[in-house]
Amino acid sequence: MSFTTPTQAAPAQPSGIPPSDPRVYRLPRRVTSYDVGPDHRLTVPGLLRQLHDTAQSQAGHYGFGYRQLADLGLAWALVCIDLHFVGPTPRGETDFQVATSVRRAAGPVVMRDYTASVGREVFAIGQTMWALIDLDNRKTATPPAEMRTLLNDIATPTLDAPTARRLPDQGPFGKTLTREVYLHDCDFNGHLNNTVAVQWMLDGVVRGGASGAGGAISLTRLRASYHSEALLGEVLTVGVSDITPVEAEASGASQVALELRGPDGLVVANAVVKWA
C-alpha cells in the first residue's frame, strides 16, 4: 500500500489565495530528492516542510520569524492543518511555487492560507493555524502589540471561512506500531517535529494494513491537529481507526482517523485522511 495524490481535481475545494493580491508572499521551490517517495513525487510530509519553509521565510522577512521570536522568549507552534490535494504532486527536480498569506490575528492564534502550484496548475490548497508559545512555561502567549499590528497590516482578506480546526480525541484506536523520539525527530523547540508526526501517523496506516486501504491511496485531504508536546526519548503509540465511507460524498470517498499517543496515554497529535 502506498500514498499518491489525485490525477484530477477533487470536488468541494476551497478557492485558495487571491492570485493578484500584493500582500501574498510567494516563494519559488524545487522538489528535492529527500522530499519524494517511491513514486518519485513530492510526499505529504515533504510538501508540509515546503509550506512551513515558505511561511518562515515570510515571517523572517517581516521580523517575526523563529530567530527574532527566540530573542523574545517566544516560538511559533502549529495547532492544526487542513490540506486539500487538487492534483498530483510534482515529481523530483520539478520547480514549483508556494504562495502564502496571513489572516487577521485573533488572540494568540494566527491563520495562514497556502496555494502550491506548478506554473498555473494548482496541486494543493491549505490552511494552518499557529499559536505563539512562551518558551519558559510552554504555554500560549499573546503576540506583542507591534507584531499584531504588522500581522493585520499584511493580512489578506479571503472569502472562504477558515476550515483548519483542532480535531477532537476520537480514540483510542488499535495500536499499529510504536515510535521513539530521537534527536533527529525534534525541531528547535525541542519537541517532535510536526511533519514527522504526520509521517508516523501515515506509516501507521501502511503498517497496519487497515481494511479497505489496499493498493495505492489517492489522498484528497489531510486534516491534522497537535495537542501536546512529545519530547526526546519518549515512546509514542500510533493508532489507526477502521476505514469508513464519507457519507456526504457520492464519489465513493473513504477516510481513516489516526493518532499519536504519548506514554501517559494522552493524545500528542491526531489526523483524518481522506481519499477518493
Protein backbone atom coordinates (compact mmCIF):
# COMPACT_ATOMS: atom_id res chain seq x y z
CA MET A 1 0.00 0.00 0.00
CA SER A 2 1.26 3.47 -0.87
CA PHE A 3 0.03 7.07 -0.91
CA THR A 4 -0.48 9.05 -4.11
CA THR A 5 -2.31 12.28 -4.93
CA PRO A 6 -5.25 12.66 -7.33
CA THR A 7 -4.87 12.76 -11.08
CA GLN A 8 -7.77 15.17 -11.41
CA ALA A 9 -9.37 17.88 -9.33
CA ALA A 10 -11.35 16.80 -6.29
CA PRO A 11 -14.81 18.32 -5.60
CA ALA A 12 -15.64 20.92 -2.96
CA GLN A 13 -12.25 22.60 -2.64
CA PRO A 14 -11.58 26.00 -1.04
CA SER A 15 -10.83 28.74 -3.55
CA GLY A 16 -7.34 29.43 -2.20
CA ILE A 17 -5.37 32.68 -2.16
CA PRO A 18 -6.35 35.60 -4.45
CA PRO A 19 -3.56 35.37 -7.08
CA SER A 20 -3.30 39.11 -7.74
CA ASP A 21 -3.21 40.37 -4.13
CA PRO A 22 0.14 42.15 -3.48
CA ARG A 23 0.10 41.06 0.17
CA VAL A 24 0.50 37.42 -0.83
CA TYR A 25 4.03 36.12 -0.25
CA ARG A 26 5.37 33.84 -2.98
CA LEU A 27 8.48 31.69 -2.92
CA PRO A 28 9.91 29.51 -5.71
CA ARG A 29 10.68 25.98 -4.55
CA ARG A 30 12.13 22.79 -6.03
CA VAL A 31 11.27 19.17 -5.26
CA THR A 32 14.46 17.70 -3.81
CA SER A 33 15.49 14.05 -3.64
CA TYR A 34 14.75 13.77 0.10
CA ASP A 35 11.16 15.04 -0.37
CA VAL A 36 9.98 12.34 -2.82
CA GLY A 37 8.58 8.87 -2.23
CA PRO A 38 8.79 5.59 -4.17
CA ASP A 39 6.56 7.08 -6.91
CA HIS A 40 9.16 9.89 -7.37
CA ARG A 41 6.57 12.51 -6.39
CA LEU A 42 6.59 15.06 -3.58
CA THR A 43 5.35 13.34 -0.40
CA VAL A 44 2.84 14.75 2.06
CA PRO A 45 5.47 15.45 4.77
CA GLY A 46 7.73 16.88 2.06
CA LEU A 47 5.02 19.30 0.99
CA LEU A 48 4.36 20.28 4.60
CA ARG A 49 8.05 21.14 5.01
CA GLN A 50 7.91 23.31 1.89
CA LEU A 51 4.80 25.13 3.17
CA HIS A 52 6.39 25.74 6.57
CA ASP A 53 9.64 26.95 4.99
CA THR A 54 7.70 29.49 2.93
CA ALA A 55 5.79 30.71 5.99
CA GLN A 56 9.04 31.01 7.91
CA SER A 57 10.61 32.98 5.07
CA GLN A 58 7.76 35.48 5.09
CA ALA A 59 7.77 35.74 8.90
CA GLY A 60 11.53 36.36 8.91
CA HIS A 61 11.15 38.96 6.17
CA TYR A 62 8.76 40.97 8.37
CA GLY A 63 10.71 40.45 11.58
CA PHE A 64 8.65 37.82 13.40
CA GLY A 65 10.46 34.65 12.30
CA TYR A 66 11.80 31.97 14.61
CA ARG A 67 15.11 33.68 15.30
CA GLN A 68 13.53 37.03 16.09
CA LEU A 69 10.93 35.43 18.35
CA ALA A 70 13.53 33.34 20.17
CA ASP A 71 15.16 36.58 21.31
CA LEU A 72 11.82 37.45 22.93
CA GLY A 73 11.47 34.02 24.53
CA LEU A 74 8.67 33.09 22.11
CA ALA A 75 8.15 30.49 19.38
CA TRP A 76 5.54 29.53 16.80
CA ALA A 77 3.76 26.21 17.40
CA LEU A 78 1.49 24.55 14.84
CA VAL A 79 -2.02 23.91 16.16
CA CYS A 80 -3.70 22.31 13.15
CA ILE A 81 -3.61 21.99 9.38
CA ASP A 82 -6.18 21.34 6.65
CA LEU A 83 -4.67 20.40 3.29
CA HIS A 84 -6.60 19.65 0.08
CA PHE A 85 -4.88 17.84 -2.80
CA VAL A 86 -6.47 19.00 -6.05
CA GLY A 87 -3.98 17.37 -8.41
CA PRO A 88 -0.88 15.15 -8.38
CA THR A 89 2.13 16.50 -6.52
CA PRO A 90 5.15 17.28 -8.74
CA ARG A 91 7.96 14.86 -9.45
CA GLY A 92 11.53 15.19 -8.24
CA GLU A 93 13.59 18.14 -9.51
CA THR A 94 10.43 19.99 -10.57
CA ASP A 95 10.23 23.73 -9.89
CA PHE A 96 7.04 24.93 -8.24
CA GLN A 97 5.77 27.87 -6.22
CA VAL A 98 4.22 28.20 -2.79
CA ALA A 99 2.06 31.25 -2.07
CA THR A 100 1.04 32.11 1.47
CA SER A 101 -0.84 34.86 3.26
CA VAL A 102 -1.98 35.52 6.80
CA ARG A 103 -5.42 36.35 8.10
CA ARG A 104 -6.13 38.99 10.71
CA ALA A 105 -4.75 37.93 14.10
CA ALA A 106 -7.23 36.57 16.64
CA GLY A 107 -5.87 36.38 20.20
CA PRO A 108 -2.75 34.19 20.34
CA VAL A 109 -3.72 32.43 17.10
CA VAL A 110 -2.65 33.24 13.54
CA MET A 111 -4.27 31.63 10.48
CA ARG A 112 -2.40 31.09 7.21
CA ASP A 113 -3.57 30.17 3.73
CA TYR A 114 -1.45 28.39 1.12
CA THR A 115 -1.53 27.51 -2.55
CA ALA A 116 1.09 25.27 -4.18
CA SER A 117 1.35 25.20 -7.96
CA VAL A 118 3.49 24.21 -10.93
CA GLY A 119 3.15 27.06 -13.38
CA ARG A 120 -0.57 27.85 -13.37
CA GLU A 121 -1.60 24.35 -12.29
CA VAL A 122 -2.53 24.27 -8.60
CA PHE A 123 -1.96 20.91 -6.90
CA ALA A 124 -2.58 21.76 -3.22
CA ILE A 125 -4.57 24.31 -1.22
CA GLY A 126 -4.41 24.52 2.54
CA GLN A 127 -4.68 26.39 5.80
CA THR A 128 -2.73 26.26 9.03
CA MET A 129 -3.39 27.63 12.50
CA TRP A 130 -0.40 28.74 14.57
CA ALA A 131 -0.08 29.86 18.18
CA LEU A 132 2.69 31.69 19.97
CA ILE A 133 4.14 29.85 22.95
CA ASP A 134 6.25 31.15 25.81
CA LEU A 135 9.46 29.09 25.80
CA ASP A 136 9.81 29.41 29.58
CA ASN A 137 6.44 27.98 30.64
CA ARG A 138 5.45 26.27 27.32
CA LYS A 139 2.04 27.99 27.41
CA THR A 140 0.35 30.14 24.77
CA ALA A 141 1.32 33.79 24.67
CA THR A 142 -0.34 36.89 23.23
CA PRO A 143 1.53 38.45 20.27
CA PRO A 144 3.25 41.74 21.16
CA ALA A 145 1.24 44.79 20.06
CA GLU A 146 3.76 45.71 17.34
CA MET A 147 3.58 42.20 15.86
CA ARG A 148 -0.22 42.15 15.96
CA THR A 149 -0.36 45.48 14.11
CA LEU A 150 2.05 44.22 11.46
CA LEU A 151 0.17 40.94 11.01
CA ASN A 152 -3.09 42.81 10.47
CA ASP A 153 -1.41 45.22 8.03
CA ILE A 154 -0.26 42.36 5.79
CA ALA A 155 -3.39 40.23 6.28
CA THR A 156 -5.16 39.18 3.10
CA PRO A 157 -8.97 39.26 3.02
CA THR A 158 -10.43 35.92 1.87
CA LEU A 159 -13.95 34.82 1.02
CA ASP A 160 -13.74 31.33 2.50
CA ALA A 161 -14.36 30.70 6.17
CA PRO A 162 -11.37 29.06 7.88
CA THR A 163 -11.50 25.25 7.80
CA ALA A 164 -8.41 24.44 9.89
CA ARG A 165 -9.78 23.41 13.27
CA ARG A 166 -8.45 21.23 16.06
CA LEU A 167 -9.73 17.65 15.86
CA PRO A 168 -11.28 16.08 18.98
CA ASP A 169 -9.89 12.93 20.56
CA GLN A 170 -11.75 10.10 18.81
CA GLY A 171 -9.69 7.19 20.13
CA PRO A 172 -8.06 5.26 21.46
CA PHE A 173 -7.65 3.16 18.33
CA GLY A 174 -5.93 -0.14 17.76
CA LYS A 175 -2.14 0.10 18.02
CA THR A 176 -0.21 -0.49 14.81
CA LEU A 177 3.33 0.45 15.84
CA THR A 178 5.44 2.43 18.30
CA ARG A 179 8.00 5.15 17.63
CA GLU A 180 10.68 6.58 19.93
CA VAL A 181 11.51 10.27 19.59
CA TYR A 182 15.17 10.58 18.64
CA LEU A 183 17.21 13.76 18.30
CA HIS A 184 16.76 13.97 14.52
CA ASP A 185 12.96 13.85 15.01
CA CYS A 186 12.93 17.07 17.06
CA ASP A 187 12.77 20.68 15.92
CA PHE A 188 14.43 23.69 17.52
CA ASN A 189 11.60 23.99 20.04
CA GLY A 190 12.93 20.72 21.49
CA HIS A 191 9.88 18.58 20.71
CA LEU A 192 8.74 16.20 17.96
CA ASN A 193 8.57 18.00 14.61
CA ASN A 194 5.01 18.30 13.27
CA THR A 195 5.92 16.88 9.84
CA VAL A 196 7.48 13.81 11.49
CA ALA A 197 4.26 13.32 13.47
CA VAL A 198 2.26 13.24 10.22
CA GLN A 199 4.73 10.80 8.67
CA TRP A 200 4.44 8.44 11.65
CA MET A 201 0.65 8.51 11.51
CA LEU A 202 0.66 7.76 7.78
CA ASP A 203 3.15 4.96 8.45
CA GLY A 204 0.58 3.52 10.83
CA VAL A 205 -1.94 3.13 8.02
CA VAL A 206 0.57 1.33 5.82
CA ARG A 207 1.98 -0.83 8.62
CA GLY A 208 -1.43 -1.66 9.99
CA GLY A 209 -2.82 -2.63 6.59
CA ALA A 210 -6.17 -1.12 7.55
CA SER A 211 -9.09 -2.95 5.97
CA GLY A 212 -10.18 -1.33 2.72
CA ALA A 213 -6.92 0.57 2.20
CA GLY A 214 -5.16 -1.93 -0.05
CA GLY A 215 -3.14 -0.74 -3.05
CA ALA A 216 -2.40 2.91 -3.71
CA ILE A 217 -4.33 5.51 -1.71
CA SER A 218 -5.07 8.67 -3.71
CA LEU A 219 -5.17 11.32 -0.99
CA THR A 220 -7.60 14.18 -1.42
CA ARG A 221 -7.50 15.75 2.06
CA LEU A 222 -5.41 15.71 5.22
CA ARG A 223 -6.50 17.27 8.49
CA ALA A 224 -4.11 17.11 11.43
CA SER A 225 -4.06 18.59 14.95
CA TYR A 226 -1.37 18.91 17.58
CA HIS A 227 -2.43 18.65 21.21
CA SER A 228 0.68 18.22 23.36
CA GLU A 229 4.45 18.01 23.13
CA ALA A 230 6.41 14.81 22.59
CA LEU A 231 9.92 15.15 23.94
CA LEU A 232 13.22 13.46 23.25
CA GLY A 233 13.26 9.82 24.37
CA GLU A 234 9.51 9.39 24.72
CA VAL A 235 7.90 6.35 23.09
CA LEU A 236 4.67 7.09 21.20
CA THR A 237 1.96 4.73 20.02
CA VAL A 238 0.44 5.10 16.55
CA GLY A 239 -3.25 4.22 16.41
CA VAL A 240 -5.46 3.73 13.34
CA SER A 241 -9.27 3.54 13.19
CA ASP A 242 -11.35 1.38 10.90
CA ILE A 243 -11.84 2.85 7.45
CA THR A 244 -15.24 4.45 6.95
CA PRO A 245 -17.04 5.86 3.89
CA VAL A 246 -17.60 9.61 3.63
CA GLU A 247 -21.39 9.65 3.64
CA ALA A 248 -21.63 13.24 2.43
CA GLU A 249 -19.89 12.40 -0.85
CA ALA A 250 -21.26 10.24 -3.63
CA SER A 251 -17.80 9.68 -5.12
CA GLY A 252 -17.05 6.61 -3.03
CA ALA A 253 -14.62 8.54 -0.82
CA SER A 254 -13.24 6.89 2.31
CA GLN A 255 -11.42 8.15 5.34
CA VAL A 256 -9.43 6.91 8.31
CA ALA A 257 -8.66 8.54 11.65
CA LEU A 258 -5.12 8.40 13.03
CA GLU A 259 -3.48 9.28 16.32
CA LEU A 260 -0.20 9.53 18.21
CA ARG A 261 -0.41 8.89 21.96
CA GLY A 262 2.27 9.61 24.50
CA PRO A 263 3.47 7.33 27.31
CA ASP A 264 0.86 8.92 29.60
CA GLY A 265 -1.93 7.86 27.21
CA LEU A 266 -2.73 11.44 26.15
CA VAL A 267 -3.04 12.44 22.50
CA VAL A 268 0.03 14.14 21.06
CA ALA A 269 -1.40 14.53 17.54
CA ASN A 270 -4.27 13.16 15.52
CA ALA A 271 -5.40 13.30 11.91
CA VAL A 272 -8.10 12.35 9.44
CA VAL A 273 -7.03 11.27 5.96
CA LYS A 274 -9.49 11.12 3.07
CA TRP A 275 -9.04 9.56 -0.35
CA ALA A 276 -11.14 9.09 -3.47
